[in-house]
Structure formats: C-alpha cells, structure tokens
Amino acid sequence: MMRLHLFLLCFFLFVKYNYSQVPSIGASIGYGRGYFDSGPEFFQWYSYNSLNNFEISGLISYKPVKAAFLFNSGFAYHIFSANSDKFHFLSFPVNTDFQLGNKYLFQFGLGLYIQTLLYKSTALFSEHSTLQAGFNTNVGVGYVVNDKYSLLVKIRKDNDFTRLFRDEIPNRTGKIEHENIYTFKYCTNICLYYRLKE
C-alpha cells in the first residue's frame, strides 16, 4: 500500500511539474464576412451575397507548461449586417490550438462551437433553430510583449453543420421542396491576452 501511495505521489508531482496549466484571459475584436447558404460548404470562403461580420470576444486560454498546444474557450458576439438587415449571434467555442515559438508565435488549430441567433431586424428566418453547432479552423501569428501580455492576429473560419432554418423552394411542378440553410463566417481577429499566474 505504501508503494502505491508513493507511486501516486510521484505521478502527481510529475504531472503538476510538467503539465500544470498557465491560465490567460483576454479580449478580441474582429471583422470579416458572413453568409447564409445551403451545404455545408466547408471550404467556401466567400459568397456573392455575403454580409459584414463584426465580432467582439471574451477569451480564456489554458496552456500546459512545456507543451506546444493550448486550450481556448470563451464567447463571441457576432453582428451580420447589410444595409438595414442585421443578425446578432452569440457563440461559445472550444478549441485546441498548436503554438510554436517563444517570442514570436505561430498558431493554428481547430475546434467546435455552439451558437444561437439572439436578434434579427428582418422577417427572414421566421422559424429558425434555437441552437446551431459547428466547427472552426484558425491560423495566426503573435508576439509576446512581456511575461504578462501577448498579442495575436488570427484568421478564423466558422462552419455550421446543423441548420439555422429550412427554406421552402417550389420546384417546376409547383411542389414545395425544403433546403437546409447554414451559417458560415470568417473573421480576422486582433487578440490581447493577459497571463494570470504561473
């Protein structure tokens, strides 16, 4: 029994020393384009009917010490806008990102998110899903200002894989067919992180 306790103690100390997490909090602002389309069109970056996509985010990040990866989460508030049409979304992403470098950073990763349509200023999508789920990919570069602050500029692409709503389309015979409509968006973000403690 003593050997088991000693082993567990050594294992705990090893994990704590080598993989203890360094938490950071932050905020970001961003701009890009967003659009609604059937699909999902995971690799499409632009659509002729795209809208402005403004974004503000709260960030939290955990990076295991001596690891090349980190876990990112938080929330993002998106506003799609074109003329008087506006769509307000709130999303909650969870990402695993890989980060290379000490002073100058290169980061890439992917993750999942859920989002909900909070408000719209148009009669479109009168019956829409309460929640959508999707996945995102991102790539970016950063700079460590000091032991507390770091900056990151990244490009992120979001792709829904559950529908926002079902569109009704009459075919040539007059019969109504249904088409699933999804949300897609990409955004360039400027992120500021503050490291809480070692």
Foldseek 3Di string as FASTA:
>chain_A
DVVVVVVVVVVVVVCCVQFNKFKKKWKKKKKWKKDKDFDLPQPDADDPPIFIKIKIWIKMKIGTPPAQKIKIWTKMWIWTDDVQKIWIKIKIWIWIKGWDDDFKIKIKTKTKMKMATDDIDDCPCVDWDGMWIWMKIKIWMKGAPDPFKIKIKMKMKITTPAAGDWDWDQDPVRDTDITGMTMIIMIIMIMMMTTDGD
